[in-house]
């Protein structure tokens, strides 16, 4: 009977520990999306949470400093100073005027410390001008045309 009781207590401790770890992992990995305009309306508890913010990179604002990159995001006339010191390299599409999504935390002084930066170049995703030839779709290219060693 004693061995069975020890087994049950040990099992309960293990299950409880796993539940606590799962809860802590879940709460720390939550990220909330906010616009730059919304940041000024957030209450104190919300300001300390991990969040995502997007905007356009202000032209001429990207500065590479000792191990970090500082830049300004703009959206609807509002701006946000961002500092990125992550370990991942910045995306190739991260440049002036690009749309960027930053993930991290807002400091009390109003600067956003980004842990991740994602970017896309708007011109890359624009529609082709009307009247111009559209690029061929992959489905319209036959296997012989698409391969460099196709027969002639």
N, C-alpha and C. Protein backbone atom coordinates (compact mmCIF):
# COMPACT_ATOMS: atom_id res chain seq x y z
N UNK A 1 0.81 -1.18 0.00
CA UNK A 1 0.00 0.00 0.00
C UNK A 1 0.87 1.26 0.00
N UNK A 2 1.98 1.27 0.73
CA UNK A 2 2.86 2.43 0.77
C UNK A 2 3.47 2.72 -0.60
N UNK A 3 3.87 1.69 -1.32
CA UNK A 3 4.47 1.88 -2.64
C UNK A 3 3.45 2.49 -3.62
N UNK A 4 2.22 2.06 -3.53
CA UNK A 4 1.19 2.58 -4.41
C UNK A 4 0.93 4.06 -4.10
N UNK A 5 0.95 4.41 -2.83
CA UNK A 5 0.72 5.80 -2.43
C UNK A 5 1.85 6.69 -2.91
N UNK A 6 3.11 6.23 -2.78
CA UNK A 6 4.26 7.00 -3.27
C UNK A 6 4.18 7.20 -4.78
N UNK A 7 3.75 6.16 -5.49
CA UNK A 7 3.60 6.26 -6.93
C UNK A 7 2.55 7.31 -7.30
N UNK A 8 1.42 7.31 -6.61
CA UNK A 8 0.36 8.29 -6.88
C UNK A 8 0.82 9.72 -6.57
N UNK A 9 1.52 9.91 -5.45
CA UNK A 9 2.02 11.24 -5.11
C UNK A 9 3.05 11.71 -6.14
N UNK A 10 3.95 10.83 -6.52
CA UNK A 10 4.95 11.17 -7.54
C UNK A 10 4.31 11.50 -8.88
N UNK A 11 3.31 10.71 -9.26
CA UNK A 11 2.61 10.97 -10.51
C UNK A 11 1.88 12.30 -10.47
N UNK A 12 1.26 12.62 -9.35
CA UNK A 12 0.54 13.88 -9.19
C UNK A 12 1.50 15.06 -9.29
N UNK A 13 2.68 14.93 -8.69
CA UNK A 13 3.69 16.00 -8.77
C UNK A 13 4.14 16.21 -10.21
N UNK A 14 4.38 15.13 -10.94
CA UNK A 14 4.82 15.23 -12.33
C UNK A 14 3.74 15.89 -13.18
N UNK A 15 2.50 15.45 -13.03
CA UNK A 15 1.39 16.01 -13.82
C UNK A 15 1.21 17.49 -13.48
N UNK A 16 1.25 17.86 -12.22
CA UNK A 16 1.11 19.25 -11.80
C UNK A 16 2.23 20.11 -12.38
N UNK A 17 3.45 19.60 -12.33
CA UNK A 17 4.60 20.32 -12.88
C UNK A 17 4.42 20.55 -14.38
N UNK A 18 3.98 19.53 -15.11
CA UNK A 18 3.76 19.68 -16.55
C UNK A 18 2.67 20.70 -16.85
N UNK A 19 1.61 20.71 -16.06
CA UNK A 19 0.54 21.69 -16.25
C UNK A 19 1.03 23.11 -16.00
N UNK A 20 1.82 23.30 -14.96
CA UNK A 20 2.36 24.63 -14.66
C UNK A 20 3.29 25.09 -15.78
N UNK A 21 4.16 24.22 -16.24
CA UNK A 21 5.06 24.57 -17.35
C UNK A 21 4.30 24.90 -18.63
N UNK A 22 3.25 24.15 -18.92
CA UNK A 22 2.43 24.43 -20.11
C UNK A 22 1.76 25.79 -19.99
N UNK A 23 1.23 26.11 -18.82
CA UNK A 23 0.57 27.40 -18.62
C UNK A 23 1.56 28.55 -18.75
N UNK A 24 2.72 28.43 -18.14
CA UNK A 24 3.73 29.48 -18.21
C UNK A 24 4.20 29.66 -19.65
N UNK A 25 4.42 28.58 -20.37
CA UNK A 25 4.83 28.67 -21.77
C UNK A 25 3.77 29.33 -22.63
N UNK A 26 2.52 29.02 -22.37
CA UNK A 26 1.42 29.60 -23.13
C UNK A 26 1.32 31.10 -22.87
N UNK A 27 1.39 31.52 -21.62
CA UNK A 27 1.24 32.94 -21.32
C UNK A 27 2.43 33.77 -21.82
N UNK A 28 3.62 33.18 -21.82
CA UNK A 28 4.79 33.93 -22.29
C UNK A 28 4.89 33.98 -23.80
N UNK A 29 4.25 33.08 -24.49
CA UNK A 29 4.36 33.06 -25.95
C UNK A 29 3.24 33.84 -26.63
N UNK A 30 2.26 34.30 -25.86
CA UNK A 30 1.18 35.08 -26.45
C UNK A 30 1.71 36.42 -26.95
N UNK A 31 1.32 36.80 -28.15
CA UNK A 31 1.65 38.12 -28.66
C UNK A 31 0.38 38.77 -29.18
N UNK A 32 0.22 40.02 -28.86
CA UNK A 32 -0.96 40.76 -29.28
C UNK A 32 -0.56 41.72 -30.39
N UNK A 33 -1.42 41.85 -31.40
CA UNK A 33 -1.16 42.77 -32.50
C UNK A 33 -1.80 44.12 -32.19
N UNK A 34 -1.02 45.17 -32.30
CA UNK A 34 -1.51 46.53 -32.11
C UNK A 34 -1.00 47.41 -33.23
N UNK A 35 -1.77 48.43 -33.57
CA UNK A 35 -1.30 49.43 -34.52
C UNK A 35 -0.53 50.49 -33.74
N UNK A 36 0.25 51.28 -34.45
CA UNK A 36 1.02 52.33 -33.78
C UNK A 36 0.06 53.32 -33.11
N UNK A 37 -1.07 53.59 -33.74
CA UNK A 37 -2.05 54.51 -33.16
C UNK A 37 -2.63 53.99 -31.85
N UNK A 38 -2.77 52.68 -31.72
CA UNK A 38 -3.34 52.09 -30.51
C UNK A 38 -2.39 52.13 -29.32
N UNK A 39 -1.10 52.22 -29.55
CA UNK A 39 -0.14 52.13 -28.45
C UNK A 39 -0.36 53.20 -27.39
N UNK A 40 -0.78 54.40 -27.81
CA UNK A 40 -0.98 55.47 -26.82
C UNK A 40 -2.22 55.24 -25.96
N UNK A 41 -3.12 54.35 -26.39
CA UNK A 41 -4.35 54.10 -25.62
C UNK A 41 -4.25 52.89 -24.70
N UNK A 42 -3.14 52.16 -24.74
CA UNK A 42 -3.01 50.95 -23.93
C UNK A 42 -2.80 51.28 -22.46
N UNK A 43 -3.35 50.44 -21.60
CA UNK A 43 -3.20 50.59 -20.16
C UNK A 43 -1.88 49.93 -19.72
N UNK A 44 -1.44 50.21 -18.50
CA UNK A 44 -0.16 49.72 -17.99
C UNK A 44 0.04 48.21 -18.12
N UNK A 45 -0.93 47.35 -17.73
CA UNK A 45 -0.67 45.91 -17.86
C UNK A 45 -0.47 45.48 -19.32
N UNK A 46 -1.17 46.11 -20.24
CA UNK A 46 -1.05 45.75 -21.65
C UNK A 46 0.29 46.20 -22.23
N UNK A 47 0.83 47.28 -21.71
CA UNK A 47 2.09 47.81 -22.22
C UNK A 47 3.27 46.88 -21.92
N UNK A 48 3.15 46.04 -20.90
CA UNK A 48 4.25 45.16 -20.52
C UNK A 48 4.16 43.80 -21.21
N UNK A 49 3.14 43.60 -22.02
CA UNK A 49 2.99 42.33 -22.72
C UNK A 49 3.80 42.34 -24.01
N UNK A 50 4.11 41.15 -24.46
CA UNK A 50 4.77 40.98 -25.75
C UNK A 50 3.75 41.33 -26.82
N UNK A 51 4.17 42.08 -27.86
CA UNK A 51 3.23 42.50 -28.89
C UNK A 51 3.88 42.59 -30.26
N UNK A 52 3.01 42.66 -31.26
CA UNK A 52 3.44 42.88 -32.65
C UNK A 52 2.89 44.21 -33.11
N UNK A 53 3.71 44.95 -33.84
CA UNK A 53 3.32 46.24 -34.38
C UNK A 53 3.82 46.31 -35.81
N UNK A 54 2.99 46.87 -36.71
CA UNK A 54 3.43 46.99 -38.10
C UNK A 54 3.34 48.43 -38.56
N UNK A 55 4.09 48.71 -39.60
CA UNK A 55 4.09 50.05 -40.19
C UNK A 55 5.08 50.08 -41.33
N UNK A 56 5.26 51.25 -41.90
CA UNK A 56 6.22 51.42 -42.99
C UNK A 56 7.50 52.03 -42.43
N UNK A 57 8.64 51.55 -42.91
CA UNK A 57 9.94 52.05 -42.45
C UNK A 57 10.14 53.45 -43.02
N UNK A 58 10.36 54.43 -42.15
CA UNK A 58 10.57 55.82 -42.59
C UNK A 58 11.86 55.90 -43.40
N UNK A 59 11.78 56.58 -44.52
CA UNK A 59 12.94 56.76 -45.39
C UNK A 59 14.06 57.48 -44.65
N UNK A 60 15.25 56.92 -44.69
CA UNK A 60 16.42 57.52 -44.06
C UNK A 60 16.54 57.26 -42.57
N UNK A 61 15.67 56.45 -41.99
CA UNK A 61 15.71 56.26 -40.54
C UNK A 61 16.51 55.04 -40.10
N UNK A 62 16.92 54.19 -41.02
CA UNK A 62 17.64 52.97 -40.64
C UNK A 62 19.09 53.32 -40.29
N UNK A 63 19.47 53.02 -39.05
CA UNK A 63 20.83 53.28 -38.58
C UNK A 63 21.40 52.01 -37.95
N UNK A 64 22.54 51.57 -38.47
CA UNK A 64 23.22 50.41 -37.91
C UNK A 64 24.18 50.91 -36.83
N UNK A 65 23.96 50.45 -35.60
CA UNK A 65 24.80 50.84 -34.47
C UNK A 65 25.43 49.60 -33.88
N UNK A 66 26.21 49.74 -32.85
CA UNK A 66 26.94 48.64 -32.22
C UNK A 66 26.03 47.45 -31.92
N UNK A 67 25.94 46.50 -32.83
CA UNK A 67 25.20 45.28 -32.60
C UNK A 67 23.69 45.41 -32.65
N UNK A 68 23.18 46.55 -33.09
CA UNK A 68 21.74 46.71 -33.20
C UNK A 68 21.40 47.61 -34.39
N UNK A 69 20.13 47.60 -34.75
CA UNK A 69 19.64 48.45 -35.84
C UNK A 69 18.48 49.27 -35.29
N UNK A 70 18.57 50.58 -35.44
CA UNK A 70 17.51 51.49 -35.02
C UNK A 70 16.81 52.01 -36.26
N UNK A 71 15.48 52.11 -36.19
CA UNK A 71 14.70 52.65 -37.31
C UNK A 71 13.37 53.15 -36.78
N UNK A 72 12.62 53.81 -37.63
CA UNK A 72 11.32 54.37 -37.26
C UNK A 72 10.25 53.76 -38.14
N UNK A 73 9.17 53.29 -37.52
CA UNK A 73 8.00 52.82 -38.24
C UNK A 73 6.95 53.92 -38.24
N UNK A 74 6.25 54.07 -39.36
CA UNK A 74 5.20 55.07 -39.48
C UNK A 74 3.91 54.41 -39.91
N UNK A 75 2.79 54.95 -39.41
CA UNK A 75 1.47 54.46 -39.79
C UNK A 75 0.46 55.54 -39.47
N UNK A 76 -0.30 55.97 -40.46
CA UNK A 76 -1.36 56.97 -40.29
C UNK A 76 -0.89 58.20 -39.54
N UNK A 77 0.25 58.74 -39.89
CA UNK A 77 0.77 59.95 -39.27
C UNK A 77 1.43 59.76 -37.92
N UNK A 78 1.40 58.56 -37.38
CA UNK A 78 2.05 58.27 -36.09
C UNK A 78 3.37 57.56 -36.36
N UNK A 79 4.32 57.70 -35.44
CA UNK A 79 5.61 57.03 -35.62
C UNK A 79 6.01 56.31 -34.34
N UNK A 80 6.89 55.33 -34.50
CA UNK A 80 7.37 54.51 -33.40
C UNK A 80 8.86 54.24 -33.60
N UNK A 81 9.66 54.64 -32.63
CA UNK A 81 11.10 54.36 -32.65
C UNK A 81 11.32 52.90 -32.28
N UNK A 82 12.05 52.15 -33.13
CA UNK A 82 12.28 50.72 -32.92
C UNK A 82 13.77 50.46 -32.84
N UNK A 83 14.17 49.58 -31.93
CA UNK A 83 15.55 49.15 -31.81
C UNK A 83 15.56 47.62 -31.89
N UNK A 84 16.31 47.08 -32.86
CA UNK A 84 16.39 45.63 -33.04
C UNK A 84 17.81 45.17 -32.76
N UNK A 85 17.95 44.25 -31.80
CA UNK A 85 19.27 43.70 -31.47
C UNK A 85 19.20 42.19 -31.47
N UNK A 86 18.36 41.62 -32.32
CA UNK A 86 18.18 40.18 -32.37
C UNK A 86 19.37 39.46 -32.97
N UNK A 87 19.34 38.15 -32.89
CA UNK A 87 20.43 37.34 -33.41
C UNK A 87 20.23 36.98 -34.88
N UNK A 88 18.97 37.03 -35.35
CA UNK A 88 18.69 36.71 -36.76
C UNK A 88 19.03 37.91 -37.63
N UNK A 89 19.56 37.65 -38.84
CA UNK A 89 19.82 38.78 -39.74
C UNK A 89 18.51 39.39 -40.22
N UNK A 90 18.55 40.67 -40.55
CA UNK A 90 17.37 41.34 -41.08
C UNK A 90 17.02 40.78 -42.45
N UNK A 91 15.74 40.75 -42.81
CA UNK A 91 15.35 40.24 -44.13
C UNK A 91 15.93 41.10 -45.26
N UNK A 92 16.11 40.49 -46.43
CA UNK A 92 16.63 41.23 -47.58
C UNK A 92 15.69 42.34 -48.00
N UNK A 93 14.41 42.18 -47.76
CA UNK A 93 13.42 43.17 -48.17
C UNK A 93 13.27 44.32 -47.17
N UNK A 94 14.05 44.32 -46.10
CA UNK A 94 14.00 45.39 -45.10
C UNK A 94 14.80 46.57 -45.60
N UNK A 95 14.10 47.60 -46.06
CA UNK A 95 14.73 48.82 -46.54
C UNK A 95 13.76 49.98 -46.36
N UNK A 96 14.21 51.17 -46.73
CA UNK A 96 13.36 52.35 -46.61
C UNK A 96 12.04 52.15 -47.36
N UNK A 97 10.94 52.50 -46.71
CA UNK A 97 9.62 52.43 -47.33
C UNK A 97 8.96 51.07 -47.28
N UNK A 98 9.67 50.04 -46.85
CA UNK A 98 9.11 48.69 -46.81
C UNK A 98 8.13 48.56 -45.65
N UNK A 99 7.16 47.68 -45.80
CA UNK A 99 6.27 47.36 -44.69
C UNK A 99 7.03 46.42 -43.77
N UNK A 100 6.95 46.68 -42.47
CA UNK A 100 7.66 45.84 -41.50
C UNK A 100 6.72 45.47 -40.36
N UNK A 101 6.91 44.28 -39.86
CA UNK A 101 6.19 43.79 -38.69
C UNK A 101 7.23 43.45 -37.64
N UNK A 102 7.17 44.12 -36.49
CA UNK A 102 8.14 43.90 -35.43
C UNK A 102 7.44 43.23 -34.25
N UNK A 103 8.18 42.36 -33.58
CA UNK A 103 7.64 41.65 -32.42
C UNK A 103 8.58 41.86 -31.25
N UNK A 104 8.04 42.28 -30.12
CA UNK A 104 8.86 42.52 -28.95
C UNK A 104 8.07 43.22 -27.86
N UNK A 105 8.74 44.15 -27.17
CA UNK A 105 8.10 44.84 -26.04
C UNK A 105 8.34 46.34 -26.14
N UNK A 106 7.39 47.08 -25.60
CA UNK A 106 7.48 48.53 -25.54
C UNK A 106 8.12 48.93 -24.21
N UNK A 107 9.16 49.75 -24.28
CA UNK A 107 9.82 50.21 -23.05
C UNK A 107 9.06 51.39 -22.47
N UNK A 108 9.26 51.69 -21.20
CA UNK A 108 8.56 52.83 -20.58
C UNK A 108 8.83 54.17 -21.26
N UNK A 109 10.01 54.32 -21.89
CA UNK A 109 10.33 55.58 -22.56
C UNK A 109 9.68 55.70 -23.95
N UNK A 110 8.90 54.68 -24.36
CA UNK A 110 8.19 54.74 -25.64
C UNK A 110 8.92 54.07 -26.79
N UNK A 111 10.16 53.63 -26.59
CA UNK A 111 10.90 52.94 -27.64
C UNK A 111 10.49 51.47 -27.64
N UNK A 112 10.36 50.92 -28.83
CA UNK A 112 9.99 49.52 -28.98
C UNK A 112 11.25 48.70 -29.19
N UNK A 113 11.45 47.68 -28.36
CA UNK A 113 12.61 46.79 -28.49
C UNK A 113 12.14 45.53 -29.20
N UNK A 114 12.58 45.36 -30.43
CA UNK A 114 12.13 44.25 -31.26
C UNK A 114 13.04 43.04 -31.09
N UNK A 115 12.40 41.88 -30.98
CA UNK A 115 13.13 40.62 -30.93
C UNK A 115 13.11 39.94 -32.29
N UNK A 116 12.12 40.28 -33.10
CA UNK A 116 12.00 39.75 -34.46
C UNK A 116 11.54 40.86 -35.39
N UNK A 117 12.02 40.82 -36.63
CA UNK A 117 11.61 41.79 -37.65
C UNK A 117 11.27 41.02 -38.91
N UNK A 118 10.09 41.28 -39.45
CA UNK A 118 9.68 40.72 -40.74
C UNK A 118 9.40 41.89 -41.66
N UNK A 119 9.73 41.75 -42.94
CA UNK A 119 9.52 42.85 -43.87
C UNK A 119 9.14 42.33 -45.24
N UNK A 120 8.42 43.17 -45.95
CA UNK A 120 8.14 42.87 -47.35
C UNK A 120 8.24 44.15 -48.13
N UNK A 121 8.68 44.04 -49.35
CA UNK A 121 8.84 45.18 -50.23
C UNK A 121 7.54 45.33 -51.01
N UNK A 122 6.88 46.46 -50.87
CA UNK A 122 5.58 46.65 -51.50
C UNK A 122 5.67 46.56 -53.02
N UNK A 123 6.73 47.05 -53.62
CA UNK A 123 6.83 47.04 -55.08
C UNK A 123 6.93 45.62 -55.62
N UNK A 124 7.39 44.70 -54.82
CA UNK A 124 7.51 43.31 -55.26
C UNK A 124 6.16 42.65 -55.45
N UNK A 125 5.13 43.15 -54.77
CA UNK A 125 3.83 42.52 -54.79
C UNK A 125 2.78 43.34 -55.54
N UNK A 126 3.21 44.37 -56.28
CA UNK A 126 2.27 45.17 -57.03
C UNK A 126 1.78 44.40 -58.25
N UNK A 127 0.57 44.73 -58.69
CA UNK A 127 0.02 44.12 -59.90
C UNK A 127 0.77 44.61 -61.12
N UNK A 128 0.82 43.79 -62.17
CA UNK A 128 1.47 44.21 -63.39
C UNK A 128 0.64 45.29 -64.04
N UNK A 129 1.28 46.28 -64.69
CA UNK A 129 0.52 47.35 -65.32
C UNK A 129 -0.38 46.80 -66.43
N UNK A 130 -1.52 47.44 -66.64
CA UNK A 130 -2.43 46.97 -67.69
C UNK A 130 -1.82 47.21 -69.05
N UNK A 131 -2.07 46.30 -69.93
CA UNK A 131 -1.54 46.40 -71.29
C UNK A 131 -0.21 45.70 -71.46
N UNK A 132 0.50 45.48 -70.39
CA UNK A 132 1.78 44.80 -70.48
C UNK A 132 1.59 43.30 -70.42
N UNK A 133 2.56 42.56 -70.93
CA UNK A 133 2.42 41.10 -70.88
C UNK A 133 2.54 40.60 -69.44
N UNK A 134 1.67 39.70 -69.09
CA UNK A 134 1.72 39.09 -67.77
C UNK A 134 2.77 38.00 -67.76
N UNK A 135 3.48 37.81 -66.66
CA UNK A 135 4.47 36.74 -66.61
C UNK A 135 3.77 35.39 -66.70
N UNK A 136 4.43 34.41 -67.32
CA UNK A 136 3.78 33.10 -67.46
C UNK A 136 3.60 32.44 -66.10
N UNK A 137 2.47 31.79 -65.94
CA UNK A 137 2.23 31.07 -64.70
C UNK A 137 2.92 29.71 -64.78
N UNK A 138 3.27 29.12 -63.66
CA UNK A 138 3.95 27.82 -63.68
C UNK A 138 3.13 26.74 -64.37
N UNK A 139 1.81 26.85 -64.32
CA UNK A 139 0.96 25.83 -64.94
C UNK A 139 0.99 25.92 -66.46
N UNK A 140 1.31 27.13 -67.01
CA UNK A 140 1.28 27.28 -68.46
C UNK A 140 2.60 26.88 -69.11
N UNK A 141 3.62 26.58 -68.34
CA UNK A 141 4.91 26.17 -68.88
C UNK A 141 4.95 24.65 -68.93
N UNK A 142 5.24 24.13 -70.11
CA UNK A 142 5.32 22.67 -70.23
C UNK A 142 6.65 22.21 -69.65
N UNK A 143 6.75 20.95 -69.24
CA UNK A 143 7.99 20.46 -68.64
C UNK A 143 9.19 20.62 -69.56
N UNK A 144 9.01 20.49 -70.86
CA UNK A 144 10.13 20.61 -71.79
C UNK A 144 10.59 22.05 -71.87
N UNK A 145 9.66 23.02 -71.76
CA UNK A 145 10.04 24.43 -71.82
C UNK A 145 10.70 24.88 -70.53
N UNK A 146 10.27 24.34 -69.43
CA UNK A 146 10.76 24.80 -68.12
C UNK A 146 12.12 24.24 -67.74
N UNK A 147 12.56 23.17 -68.34
CA UNK A 147 13.84 22.60 -67.93
C UNK A 147 14.95 23.05 -68.87
N UNK A 148 16.13 23.34 -68.36
CA UNK A 148 17.23 23.79 -69.20
C UNK A 148 17.75 22.70 -70.14
N UNK A 149 17.46 21.46 -69.85
CA UNK A 149 17.96 20.38 -70.69
C UNK A 149 16.86 19.81 -71.59
N UNK A 150 15.78 20.59 -71.77
CA UNK A 150 14.66 20.10 -72.59
C UNK A 150 15.07 19.91 -74.03
N UNK A 151 14.41 19.01 -74.75
CA UNK A 151 14.77 18.74 -76.13
C UNK A 151 14.24 19.85 -77.02
N UNK A 152 14.97 20.15 -78.10
CA UNK A 152 14.59 21.21 -79.03
C UNK A 152 13.95 20.63 -80.25
